[in-house]
PDB file of N, CA and C in Angstrom:
ATOM      1  N   MET A   1     -13.107 -19.644  22.213  1.00  0.00           N
ATOM      2  CA  MET A   1     -14.445 -18.982  21.800  1.00  0.00           C
ATOM      3  C   MET A   1     -14.970 -17.890  21.747  1.00  0.00           C
ATOM      4  N   GLU A   2     -15.982 -17.543  20.721  1.00  0.00           N
ATOM      5  CA  GLU A   2     -16.009 -16.151  21.158  1.00  0.00           C
ATOM      6  C   GLU A   2     -17.975 -16.386  21.067  1.00  0.00           C
ATOM      7  N   VAL A   3     -18.057 -14.637  21.974  1.00  0.00           N
ATOM      8  CA  VAL A   3     -19.338 -15.471  22.074  1.00  0.00           C
ATOM      9  C   VAL A   3     -20.261 -14.391  20.293  1.00  0.00           C
ATOM     10  N   GLY A   4     -19.823 -13.892  19.710  1.00  0.00           N
ATOM     11  CA  GLY A   4     -20.725 -14.139  18.969  1.00  0.00           C
ATOM     12  C   GLY A   4     -21.451 -12.394  18.426  1.00  0.00           C
ATOM     13  N   LEU A   5     -20.674 -10.995  18.754  1.00  0.00           N
ATOM     14  CA  LEU A   5     -22.766 -10.502  19.604  1.00  0.00           C
ATOM     15  C   LEU A   5     -20.852  -9.323  18.809  1.00  0.00           C
ATOM     16  N   VAL A   6     -22.659  -8.188  18.101  1.00  0.00           N
ATOM     17  CA  VAL A   6     -22.151  -7.694  17.133  1.00  0.00           C
ATOM     18  C   VAL A   6     -21.660  -6.186  18.099  1.00  0.00           C
ATOM     19  N   ILE A   7     -20.765  -5.731  18.544  1.00  0.00           N
ATOM     20  CA  ILE A   7     -20.693  -4.293  19.512  1.00  0.00           C
ATOM     21  C   ILE A   7     -20.549  -3.577  18.638  1.00  0.00           C
ATOM     22  N   PRO A   8     -21.180  -2.287  19.317  1.00  0.00           N
ATOM     23  CA  PRO A   8     -21.057  -0.611  19.133  1.00  0.00           C
ATOM     24  C   PRO A   8     -19.554   0.250  19.449  1.00  0.00           C
ATOM     25  N   SER A   9     -19.477   0.841  18.220  1.00  0.00           N
ATOM     26  CA  SER A   9     -17.437   1.378  18.134  1.00  0.00           C
ATOM     27  C   SER A   9     -17.670   1.750  19.507  1.00  0.00           C
ATOM     28  N   LYS A  10     -18.412   2.752  20.055  1.00  0.00           N
ATOM     29  CA  LYS A  10     -18.485   3.093  21.193  1.00  0.00           C
ATOM     30  C   LYS A  10     -19.587   2.621  22.668  1.00  0.00           C
ATOM     31  N   ALA A  11     -19.113   1.573  22.044  1.00  0.00           N
ATOM     32  CA  ALA A  11     -20.261   0.553  23.391  1.00  0.00           C
ATOM     33  C   ALA A  11     -19.388   0.965  24.482  1.00  0.00           C
ATOM     34  N   LYS A  12     -21.051   1.052  26.150  1.00  0.00           N
ATOM     35  CA  LYS A  12     -19.885   2.099  26.988  1.00  0.00           C
ATOM     36  C   LYS A  12     -19.978   0.059  28.349  1.00  0.00           C
ATOM     37  N   ILE A  13     -19.457   0.234  28.907  1.00  0.00           N
ATOM     38  CA  ILE A  13     -19.798  -1.440  29.959  1.00  0.00           C
ATOM     39  C   ILE A  13     -20.564  -1.764  30.102  1.00  0.00           C
ATOM     40  N   ILE A  14     -21.802  -0.309  30.724  1.00  0.00           N
ATOM     41  CA  ILE A  14     -23.670  -1.107  30.453  1.00  0.00           C
ATOM     42  C   ILE A  14     -23.569  -1.842  29.544  1.00  0.00           C
ATOM     43  N   ASP A  15     -23.077  -1.594  28.215  1.00  0.00           N
ATOM     44  CA  ASP A  15     -24.627  -1.590  27.205  1.00  0.00           C
ATOM     45  C   ASP A  15     -23.351  -2.539  26.758  1.00  0.00           C
ATOM     46  N   LEU A  16     -22.276  -3.432  26.769  1.00  0.00           N
ATOM     47  CA  LEU A  16     -20.823  -4.608  26.494  1.00  0.00           C
ATOM     48  C   LEU A  16     -22.453  -5.538  27.763  1.00  0.00           C
ATOM     49  N   LYS A  17     -22.749  -5.333  29.104  1.00  0.00           N
ATOM     50  CA  LYS A  17     -22.945  -6.084  29.751  1.00  0.00           C
ATOM     51  C   LYS A  17     -24.520  -6.683  29.224  1.00  0.00           C
ATOM     52  N   LYS A  18     -25.233  -5.827  28.961  1.00  0.00           N
ATOM     53  CA  LYS A  18     -26.639  -5.646  28.699  1.00  0.00           C
ATOM     54  C   LYS A  18     -26.703  -6.324  27.328  1.00  0.00           C
ATOM     55  N   LEU A  19     -25.810  -7.214  26.666  1.00  0.00           N
ATOM     56  CA  LEU A  19     -25.651  -6.700  25.271  1.00  0.00           C
ATOM     57  C   LEU A  19     -25.356  -9.106  25.504  1.00  0.00           C
ATOM     58  N   ILE A  20     -24.422  -9.260  26.784  1.00  0.00           N
ATOM     59  CA  ILE A  20     -23.876  -9.756  26.556  1.00  0.00           C
ATOM     60  C   ILE A  20     -25.224 -10.775  27.683  1.00  0.00           C
ATOM     61  N   GLY A  21     -25.317 -10.042  28.765  1.00  0.00           N
ATOM     62  CA  GLY A  21     -26.352 -10.649  29.261  1.00  0.00           C
ATOM     63  C   GLY A  21     -28.254 -11.064  28.627  1.00  0.00           C
ATOM     64  N   SER A  22     -28.000 -10.493  27.298  1.00  0.00           N
ATOM     65  CA  SER A  22     -29.289 -11.530  26.226  1.00  0.00           C
ATOM     66  C   SER A  22     -28.347 -12.072  25.247  1.00  0.00           C
ATOM     67  N   SER A  23     -27.537 -12.432  25.486  1.00  0.00           N
ATOM     68  CA  SER A  23     -27.339 -13.866  24.140  1.00  0.00           C
ATOM     69  C   SER A  23     -27.875 -14.487  24.358  1.00  0.00           C
ATOM     70  N   ALA A  24     -28.002 -15.400  23.425  1.00  0.00           N
ATOM     71  CA  ALA A  24     -27.907 -17.211  23.517  1.00  0.00           C
ATOM     72  C   ALA A  24     -27.174 -17.678  24.427  1.00  0.00           C
ATOM     73  N   MET A  25     -25.804 -17.130  23.676  1.00  0.00           N
ATOM     74  CA  MET A  25     -24.644 -18.764  24.696  1.00  0.00           C
ATOM     75  C   MET A  25     -24.600 -17.902  26.105  1.00  0.00           C
ATOM     76  N   TYR A  26     -25.404 -16.580  26.421  1.00  0.00           N
ATOM     77  CA  TYR A  26     -25.450 -16.629  27.792  1.00  0.00           C
ATOM     78  C   TYR A  26     -25.855 -17.180  28.449  1.00  0.00           C
ATOM     79  N   LYS A  27     -27.359 -17.322  28.423  1.00  0.00           N
ATOM     80  CA  LYS A  27     -28.430 -18.439  28.675  1.00  0.00           C
ATOM     81  C   LYS A  27     -28.440 -19.059  28.179  1.00  0.00           C
ATOM     82  N   ASN A  28     -27.575 -19.835  27.674  1.00  0.00           N
ATOM     83  CA  ASN A  28     -26.990 -21.692  27.401  1.00  0.00           C
ATOM     84  C   ASN A  28     -26.412 -21.504  27.520  1.00  0.00           C
ATOM     85  N   ASP A  29     -25.381 -21.001  27.878  1.00  0.00           N
ATOM     86  CA  ASP A  29     -24.050 -21.497  29.484  1.00  0.00           C
ATOM     87  C   ASP A  29     -22.801 -20.610  30.287  1.00  0.00           C
ATOM     88  N   ILE A  30     -23.782 -20.042  30.816  1.00  0.00           N
ATOM     89  CA  ILE A  30     -23.684 -18.693  32.077  1.00  0.00           C
ATOM     90  C   ILE A  30     -21.773 -18.749  32.331  1.00  0.00           C
ATOM     91  N   GLU A  31     -21.521 -20.349  32.189  1.00  0.00           N
ATOM     92  CA  GLU A  31     -19.951 -20.624  32.985  1.00  0.00           C
ATOM     93  C   GLU A  31     -18.872 -20.263  31.600  1.00  0.00           C
ATOM     94  N   CYS A  32     -19.737 -20.178  30.630  1.00  0.00           N
ATOM     95  CA  CYS A  32     -19.121 -20.413  29.581  1.00  0.00           C
ATOM     96  C   CYS A  32     -18.538 -18.470  29.396  1.00  0.00           C
ATOM     97  N   VAL A  33     -19.197 -17.673  28.665  1.00  0.00           N
ATOM     98  CA  VAL A  33     -19.651 -16.740  29.019  1.00  0.00           C
ATOM     99  C   VAL A  33     -18.124 -16.456  30.526  1.00  0.00           C
ATOM    100  N   ARG A  34     -18.666 -16.966  31.674  1.00  0.00           N
ATOM    101  CA  ARG A  34     -17.534 -16.107  32.731  1.00  0.00           C
ATOM    102  C   ARG A  34     -16.570 -16.213  32.220  1.00  0.00           C
ATOM    103  N   SER A  35     -16.117 -16.824  31.669  1.00  0.00           N
ATOM    104  CA  SER A  35     -14.820 -17.524  31.472  1.00  0.00           C
ATOM    105  C   SER A  35     -14.216 -17.058  30.954  1.00  0.00           C
ATOM    106  N   LEU A  36     -14.790 -16.506  29.473  1.00  0.00           N
ATOM    107  CA  LEU A  36     -14.766 -15.443  28.747  1.00  0.00           C
ATOM    108  C   LEU A  36     -14.398 -13.981  29.431  1.00  0.00           C
ATOM    109  N   VAL A  37     -15.362 -13.524  29.595  1.00  0.00           N
ATOM    110  CA  VAL A  37     -14.620 -12.034  30.579  1.00  0.00           C
ATOM    111  C   VAL A  37     -14.588 -12.137  31.282  1.00  0.00           C
ATOM    112  N   GLU A  38     -13.840 -13.558  32.383  1.00  0.00           N
ATOM    113  CA  GLU A  38     -13.124 -13.222  32.984  1.00  0.00           C
ATOM    114  C   GLU A  38     -11.579 -13.302  32.092  1.00  0.00           C
ATOM    115  N   ASN A  39     -12.104 -14.255  31.557  1.00  0.00           N
ATOM    116  CA  ASN A  39     -10.168 -13.972  30.323  1.00  0.00           C
ATOM    117  C   ASN A  39      -9.702 -12.276  29.940  1.00  0.00           C
ATOM    118  N   ALA A  40     -10.664 -12.163  29.166  1.00  0.00           N
ATOM    119  CA  ALA A  40     -10.421 -10.632  28.527  1.00  0.00           C
ATOM    120  C   ALA A  40     -10.509  -9.417  29.559  1.00  0.00           C
ATOM    121  N   LEU A  41     -10.705  -9.724  31.066  1.00  0.00           N
ATOM    122  CA  LEU A  41     -10.505  -8.707  32.546  1.00  0.00           C
ATOM    123  C   LEU A  41      -9.346  -9.094  32.260  1.00  0.00           C
ATOM    124  N   GLU A  42      -8.413 -10.230  32.505  1.00  0.00           N
ATOM    125  CA  GLU A  42      -7.198 -10.746  32.803  1.00  0.00           C
ATOM    126  C   GLU A  42      -6.174 -10.172  31.841  1.00  0.00           C
ATOM    127  N   LYS A  43      -6.445 -10.207  30.755  1.00  0.00           N
ATOM    128  CA  LYS A  43      -6.166  -9.753  29.126  1.00  0.00           C
ATOM    129  C   LYS A  43      -5.775  -8.240  29.203  1.00  0.00           C
ATOM    130  N   SER A  44      -6.420  -7.648  29.590  1.00  0.00           N
ATOM    131  CA  SER A  44      -6.686  -6.611  29.503  1.00  0.00           C
ATOM    132  C   SER A  44      -5.185  -5.381  30.953  1.00  0.00           C
ATOM    133  N   LYS A  45      -5.683  -6.445  31.949  1.00  0.00           N
ATOM    134  CA  LYS A  45      -5.137  -6.081  33.839  1.00  0.00           C
ATOM    135  C   LYS A  45      -3.595  -6.023  32.517  1.00  0.00           C
ATOM    136  N   GLN A  46      -3.119  -7.430  31.846  1.00  0.00           N
ATOM    137  CA  GLN A  46      -1.544  -7.196  31.853  1.00  0.00           C
ATOM    138  C   GLN A  46      -0.689  -6.703  31.025  1.00  0.00           C
ATOM    139  N   GLU A  47      -1.704  -6.362  30.245  1.00  0.00           N
ATOM    140  CA  GLU A  47      -1.890  -5.590  28.071  1.00  0.00           C
ATOM    141  C   GLU A  47      -0.966  -3.645  29.845  1.00  0.00           C
ATOM    142  N   ALA A  48      -2.338  -4.035  30.606  1.00  0.00           N
ATOM    143  CA  ALA A  48      -1.943  -2.247  31.330  1.00  0.00           C
ATOM    144  C   ALA A  48      -0.397  -2.586  32.116  1.00  0.00           C
ATOM    145  N   GLU A  49      -0.442  -3.546  32.771  1.00  0.00           N
ATOM    146  CA  GLU A  49       1.418  -3.529  33.857  1.00  0.00           C
ATOM    147  C   GLU A  49       1.833  -3.762  32.785  1.00  0.00           C
ATOM    148  N   LYS A  50       1.603  -4.118  31.811  1.00  0.00           N
ATOM    149  CA  LYS A  50       2.721  -4.521  30.694  1.00  0.00           C
ATOM    150  C   LYS A  50       2.830  -2.262  30.223  1.00  0.00           C
ATOM    151  N   ASN A  51       2.278  -2.086  29.681  1.00  0.00           N
ATOM    152  CA  ASN A  51       2.935  -0.476  29.408  1.00  0.00           C
ATOM    153  C   ASN A  51       3.203   0.526  30.935  1.00  0.00           C
ATOM    154  N   GLU A  52       2.210   0.144  32.016  1.00  0.00           N
ATOM    155  CA  GLU A  52       3.043   1.049  32.982  1.00  0.00           C
ATOM    156  C   GLU A  52       4.686   0.473  32.987  1.00  0.00           C
ATOM    157  N   ARG A  53       4.680  -0.752  32.714  1.00  0.00           N
ATOM    158  CA  ARG A  53       6.414  -1.036  33.227  1.00  0.00           C
ATOM    159  C   ARG A  53       7.248  -0.569  31.848  1.00  0.00           C
ATOM    160  N   GLU A  54       6.376  -0.232  30.292  1.00  0.00           N
ATOM    161  CA  GLU A  54       7.706  -0.119  29.288  1.00  0.00           C
ATOM    162  C   GLU A  54       7.647   1.866  30.494  1.00  0.00           C
ATOM    163  N   ALA A  55       6.033   1.951  30.236  1.00  0.00           N
ATOM    164  CA  ALA A  55       6.569   3.869  30.760  1.00  0.00           C
ATOM    165  C   ALA A  55       8.223   4.712  31.479  1.00  0.00           C
ATOM    166  N   GLU A  56       7.450   3.173  32.546  1.00  0.00           N
ATOM    167  CA  GLU A  56       9.130   3.270  33.964  1.00  0.00           C
ATOM    168  C   GLU A  56       9.806   2.872  33.713  1.00  0.00           C
ATOM    169  N   ILE A  57      10.276   2.184  32.539  1.00  0.00           N
ATOM    170  CA  ILE A  57      11.345   2.215  31.945  1.00  0.00           C
ATOM    171  C   ILE A  57      12.368   2.812  31.002  1.00  0.00           C
ATOM    172  N   GLN A  58      10.891   3.768  30.384  1.00  0.00           N
ATOM    173  CA  GLN A  58      11.587   4.736  29.523  1.00  0.00           C
ATOM    174  C   GLN A  58      12.127   5.694  30.815  1.00  0.00           C
ATOM    175  N   LEU A  59      10.948   5.953  31.182  1.00  0.00           N
ATOM    176  CA  LEU A  59      11.427   7.066  32.651  1.00  0.00           C
ATOM    177  C   LEU A  59      12.667   6.739  32.935  1.00  0.00           C
ATOM    178  N   GLU A  60      13.035   5.752  33.678  1.00  0.00           N
ATOM    179  CA  GLU A  60      14.292   5.349  34.119  1.00  0.00           C
ATOM    180  C   GLU A  60      15.398   5.961  32.636  1.00  0.00           C
ATOM    181  N   LYS A  61      14.996   5.589  31.284  1.00  0.00           N
ATOM    182  CA  LYS A  61      16.064   6.679  30.548  1.00  0.00           C
ATOM    183  C   LYS A  61      16.505   7.839  30.724  1.00  0.00           C
ATOM    184  N   ILE A  62      15.143   8.377  30.790  1.00  0.00           N
ATOM    185  CA  ILE A  62      15.304   9.331  30.417  1.00  0.00           C
ATOM    186  C   ILE A  62      16.066  10.218  32.023  1.00  0.00           C
ATOM    187  N   LYS A  63      16.118   9.293  33.148  1.00  0.00           N
ATOM    188  CA  LYS A  63      16.880   9.740  33.462  1.00  0.00           C
ATOM    189  C   LYS A  63      18.004   9.235  33.425  1.00  0.00           C
ATOM    190  N   LEU A  64      18.716   8.606  33.454  1.00  0.00           N
ATOM    191  CA  LEU A  64      19.960   8.154  33.025  1.00  0.00           C
ATOM    192  C   LEU A  64      20.244   8.756  32.178  1.00  0.00           C
ATOM    193  N   SER A  65      19.616   9.176  31.410  1.00  0.00           N
ATOM    194  CA  SER A  65      20.642  10.361  29.947  1.00  0.00           C
ATOM    195  C   SER A  65      20.971  11.540  31.113  1.00  0.00           C
ATOM    196  N   GLN A  66      19.624  11.799  31.019  1.00  0.00           N
ATOM    197  CA  GLN A  66      20.134  13.223  32.322  1.00  0.00           C
ATOM    198  C   GLN A  66      21.014  13.547  32.932  1.00  0.00           C
ATOM    199  N   ILE A  67      21.726  12.211  33.695  1.00  0.00           N
ATOM    200  CA  ILE A  67      22.486  12.047  34.584  1.00  0.00           C
ATOM    201  C   ILE A  67      23.672  11.530  33.931  1.00  0.00           C
ATOM    202  N   GLU A  68      24.378  10.889  33.323  1.00  0.00           N
ATOM    203  CA  GLU A  68      24.965  11.650  31.951  1.00  0.00           C
ATOM    204  C   GLU A  68      24.909  12.882  31.414  1.00  0.00           C
ATOM    205  N   LYS A  69      24.494  13.727  30.947  1.00  0.00           N
ATOM    206  CA  LYS A  69      24.409  14.767  30.512  1.00  0.00           C
ATOM    207  C   LYS A  69      25.793  15.211  31.390  1.00  0.00           C
ATOM    208  N   GLU A  70      24.789  14.856  32.803  1.00  0.00           N
ATOM    209  CA  GLU A  70      25.514  15.761  33.978  1.00  0.00           C
ATOM    210  C   GLU A  70      26.680  15.587  34.512  1.00  0.00           C
ATOM    211  N   LEU A  71      27.513  14.143  34.357  1.00  0.00           N
ATOM    212  CA  LEU A  71      28.798  14.377  34.071  1.00  0.00           C
ATOM    213  C   LEU A  71      29.226  14.740  32.946  1.00  0.00           C
ATOM    214  N   GLU A  72      28.589  14.585  31.876  1.00  0.00           N
ATOM    215  CA  GLU A  72      30.145  14.894  31.406  1.00  0.00           C
ATOM    216  C   GLU A  72      29.993  16.502  31.426  1.00  0.00           C
ATOM    217  N   LEU A  73      28.640  16.952  31.421  1.00  0.00           N
ATOM    218  CA  LEU A  73      29.182  18.365  32.106  1.00  0.00           C
ATOM    219  C   LEU A  73      30.132  19.101  33.218  1.00  0.00           C
ATOM    220  N   ALA A  74      29.383  18.586  34.152  1.00  0.00           N
ATOM    221  CA  ALA A  74      30.611  18.223  35.213  1.00  0.00           C
ATOM    222  C   ALA A  74      32.281  17.700  34.262  1.00  0.00           C
ATOM    223  N   LYS A  75      32.200  17.006  34.098  1.00  0.00           N
ATOM    224  CA  LYS A  75      34.355  17.059  33.702  1.00  0.00           C
ATOM    225  C   LYS A  75      34.788  17.881  32.501  1.00  0.00           C
ATOM    226  N   VAL A  76      33.604  18.158  31.568  1.00  0.00           N
ATOM    227  CA  VAL A  76      33.987  20.142  30.910  1.00  0.00           C
ATOM    228  C   VAL A  76      34.297  20.858  31.698  1.00  0.00           C
ATOM    229  N   ARG A  77      33.245  20.377  32.447  1.00  0.00           N
ATOM    230  CA  ARG A  77      33.660  22.212  33.856  1.00  0.00           C
ATOM    231  C   ARG A  77      34.924  21.919  34.125  1.00  0.00           C
ATOM    232  N   LYS A  78      35.795  20.613  35.019  1.00  0.00           N
ATOM    233  CA  LYS A  78      36.237  20.083  35.356  1.00  0.00           C
ATOM    234  C   LYS A  78      38.197  20.812  34.441  1.00  0.00           C
ATOM    235  N   GLU A  79      37.276  19.839  33.239  1.00  0.00           N
ATOM    236  CA  GLU A  79      38.789  20.306  32.432  1.00  0.00           C
ATOM    237  C   GLU A  79      38.984  22.326  31.769  1.00  0.00           C
ATOM    238  N   SER A  80      37.379  22.812  32.139  1.00  0.00           N
ATOM    239  CA  SER A  80      37.668  24.475  31.371  1.00  0.00           C
ATOM    240  C   SER A  80      38.201  25.134  32.628  1.00  0.00           C
ATOM    241  N   GLU A  81      38.394  24.249  34.370  1.00  0.00           N
ATOM    242  CA  GLU A  81      38.863  24.771  36.003  1.00  0.00           C
ATOM    243  C   GLU A  81      40.350  24.575  35.221  1.00  0.00           C
ATOM    244  N   LYS A  82      40.545  22.995  34.823  1.00  0.00           N
ATOM    245  CA  LYS A  82      41.931  23.217  34.393  1.00  0.00           C
ATOM    246  C   LYS A  82      42.544  24.150  33.599  1.00  0.00           C
ATOM    247  N   ASN A  83      41.764  24.948  32.521  1.00  0.00           N
ATOM    248  CA  ASN A  83      42.648  25.163  31.026  1.00  0.00           C
ATOM    249  C   ASN A  83      42.239  26.939  31.086  1.00  0.00           C
ATOM    250  N   PRO A  84      41.636  27.669  31.802  1.00  0.00           N
ATOM    251  CA  PRO A  84      40.622  28.970  31.813  1.00  0.00           C
ATOM    252  C   PRO A  84      41.391  29.416  31.401  1.00  0.00           C
ATOM    253  N   GLN A  85      42.352  29.773  30.458  1.00  0.00           N
ATOM    254  CA  GLN A  85      43.205  30.238  29.417  1.00  0.00           C
ATOM    255  C   GLN A  85      41.770  30.396  28.039  1.00  0.00           C
ATOM    256  N   THR A  86      41.418  29.156  27.898  1.00  0.00           N
ATOM    257  CA  THR A  86      40.675  28.664  27.078  1.00  0.00           C
ATOM    258  C   THR A  86      39.451  29.835  26.710  1.00  0.00           C
ATOM    259  N   LEU A  87      38.872  29.863  27.876  1.00  0.00           N
ATOM    260  CA  LEU A  87      37.199  30.580  27.774  1.00  0.00           C
ATOM    261  C   LEU A  87      37.166  32.066  27.754  1.00  0.00           C
ATOM    262  N   GLU A  88      38.566  32.853  28.572  1.00  0.00           N
ATOM    263  CA  GLU A  88      39.421  33.986  28.714  1.00  0.00           C
ATOM    264  C   GLU A  88      39.608  34.209  27.427  1.00  0.00           C
ATOM    265  N   SER A  89      40.025  33.196  26.448  1.00  0.00           N
ATOM    266  CA  SER A  89      40.510  34.493  25.138  1.00  0.00           C
ATOM    267  C   SER A  89      40.149  34.715  24.478  1.00  0.00           C
ATOM    268  N   GLY A  90      38.439  34.776  23.878  1.00  0.00           N
ATOM    269  CA  GLY A  90      37.547  34.616  23.619  1.00  0.00           C
ATOM    270  C   GLY A  90      37.375  33.865  22.135  1.00  0.00           C
ATOM    271  N   GLU A  91      37.993  33.033  22.606  1.00  0.00           N
ATOM    272  CA  GLU A  91      37.967  32.425  21.300  1.00  0.00           C
ATOM    273  C   GLU A  91      37.567  31.144  21.139  1.00  0.00           C
ATOM    274  N   PRO A  92      36.237  30.797  20.043  1.00  0.00           N
ATOM    275  CA  PRO A  92      36.105  29.782  19.560  1.00  0.00           C
ATOM    276  C   PRO A  92      36.737  28.254  19.776  1.00  0.00           C
ATOM    277  N   SER A  93      36.123  27.404  21.244  1.00  0.00           N
ATOM    278  CA  SER A  93      37.207  26.285  21.267  1.00  0.00           C
ATOM    279  C   SER A  93      36.426  25.175  21.685  1.00  0.00           C
ATOM    280  N   TYR A  94      36.995  23.715  21.466  1.00  0.00           N
ATOM    281  CA  TYR A  94      36.007  22.880  21.975  1.00  0.00           C
ATOM    282  C   TYR A  94      35.498  22.376  23.010  1.00  0.00           C
ATOM    283  N   LEU A  95      35.855  23.668  23.263  1.00  0.00           N
ATOM    284  CA  LEU A  95      35.646  22.461  25.134  1.00  0.00           C
ATOM    285  C   LEU A  95      34.275  23.802  26.042  1.00  0.00           C
ATOM    286  N   THR A  96      34.924  25.031  25.379  1.00  0.00           N
ATOM    287  CA  THR A  96      33.550  26.329  25.949  1.00  0.00           C
ATOM    288  C   THR A  96      32.453  25.552  24.369  1.00  0.00           C
ATOM    289  N   ASP A  97      32.698  25.395  23.164  1.00  0.00           N
ATOM    290  CA  ASP A  97      31.409  24.793  22.591  1.00  0.00           C
ATOM    291  C   ASP A  97      30.575  23.533  23.272  1.00  0.00           C
ATOM    292  N   LYS A  98      31.396  23.081  23.364  1.00  0.00           N
ATOM    293  CA  LYS A  98      30.990  21.567  24.734  1.00  0.00           C
ATOM    294  C   LYS A  98      30.462  21.455  25.676  1.00  0.00           C
ATOM    295  N   LEU A  99      30.774  23.149  25.804  1.00  0.00           N
ATOM    296  CA  LEU A  99      30.212  23.147  27.197  1.00  0.00           C
ATOM    297  C   LEU A  99      28.655  23.845  27.345  1.00  0.00           C
ATOM    298  N   GLU A 100      28.021  24.783  26.562  1.00  0.00           N
ATOM    299  CA  GLU A 100      27.550  24.910  25.710  1.00  0.00           C
ATOM    300  C   GLU A 100      26.329  24.178  25.753  1.00  0.00           C
ATOM    301  N   SER A 101      27.168  23.764  24.333  1.00  0.00           N
ATOM    302  CA  SER A 101      26.346  22.057  23.916  1.00  0.00           C
ATOM    303  C   SER A 101      25.465  21.391  24.869  1.00  0.00           C
ATOM    304  N   LEU A 102      26.158  21.068  26.123  1.00  0.00           N
ATOM    305  CA  LEU A 102      25.759  20.033  27.564  1.00  0.00           C
ATOM    306  C   LEU A 102      24.641  20.508  28.290  1.00  0.00           C
ATOM    307  N   VAL A 103      25.405  22.055  28.152  1.00  0.00           N
ATOM    308  CA  VAL A 103      24.232  23.119  29.217  1.00  0.00           C
ATOM    309  C   VAL A 103      22.639  23.118  28.330  1.00  0.00           C
ATOM    310  N   LYS A 104      22.452  23.325  26.506  1.00  0.00           N
ATOM    311  CA  LYS A 104      21.793  23.730  26.527  1.00  0.00           C
ATOM    312  C   LYS A 104      20.903  22.523  26.406  1.00  0.00           C
ATOM    313  N   SER A 105      21.409  21.325  26.169  1.00  0.00           N
ATOM    314  CA  SER A 105      21.135  19.776  25.936  1.00  0.00           C
ATOM    315  C   SER A 105      20.104  19.786  27.767  1.00  0.00           C
ATOM    316  N   ILE A 106      21.184  19.968  29.317  1.00  0.00           N
ATOM    317  CA  ILE A 106      20.456  19.703  29.786  1.00  0.00           C
ATOM    318  C   ILE A 106      19.362  20.103  30.261  1.00  0.00           C
ATOM    319  N   LYS A 107      19.457  21.537  29.697  1.00  0.00           N
ATOM    320  CA  LYS A 107      18.042  22.879  30.088  1.00  0.00           C
ATOM    321  C   LYS A 107      16.826  21.880  29.063  1.00  0.00           C
ATOM    322  N   ASP A 108      17.464  21.590  28.017  1.00  0.00           N
ATOM    323  CA  ASP A 108      15.453  20.826  27.450  1.00  0.00           C
ATOM    324  C   ASP A 108      15.820  19.664  27.369  1.00  0.00           C
ATOM    325  N   SER A 109      16.195  18.932  28.625  1.00  0.00           N
ATOM    326  CA  SER A 109      15.765  17.789  28.501  1.00  0.00           C
ATOM    327  C   SER A 109      14.153  17.959  29.554  1.00  0.00           C
TER     328      SER A 109
END
């Protein structure tokens, strides 16, 4: 059920309150209007909570990605310690390229 009011695009809460208060539906069936308002507020609250949960999930995904990159970096560093000649030879190697790439990706995160 709708109240059937035309709401201006930039209406503020006070404007909405005045519109609802002056509507024929409000004057004839106040309980119905209260129920509609409560439902709208509950829906808005649920949507805000959903958005907050989604933002928290995204943040956790970013943190996980950061940890994975740091772990990969630690593995590459450990491997380079086992084979120090690859870093000292001056030749581009898989390990040095991988290490540089990981350092850059962590800094960019």
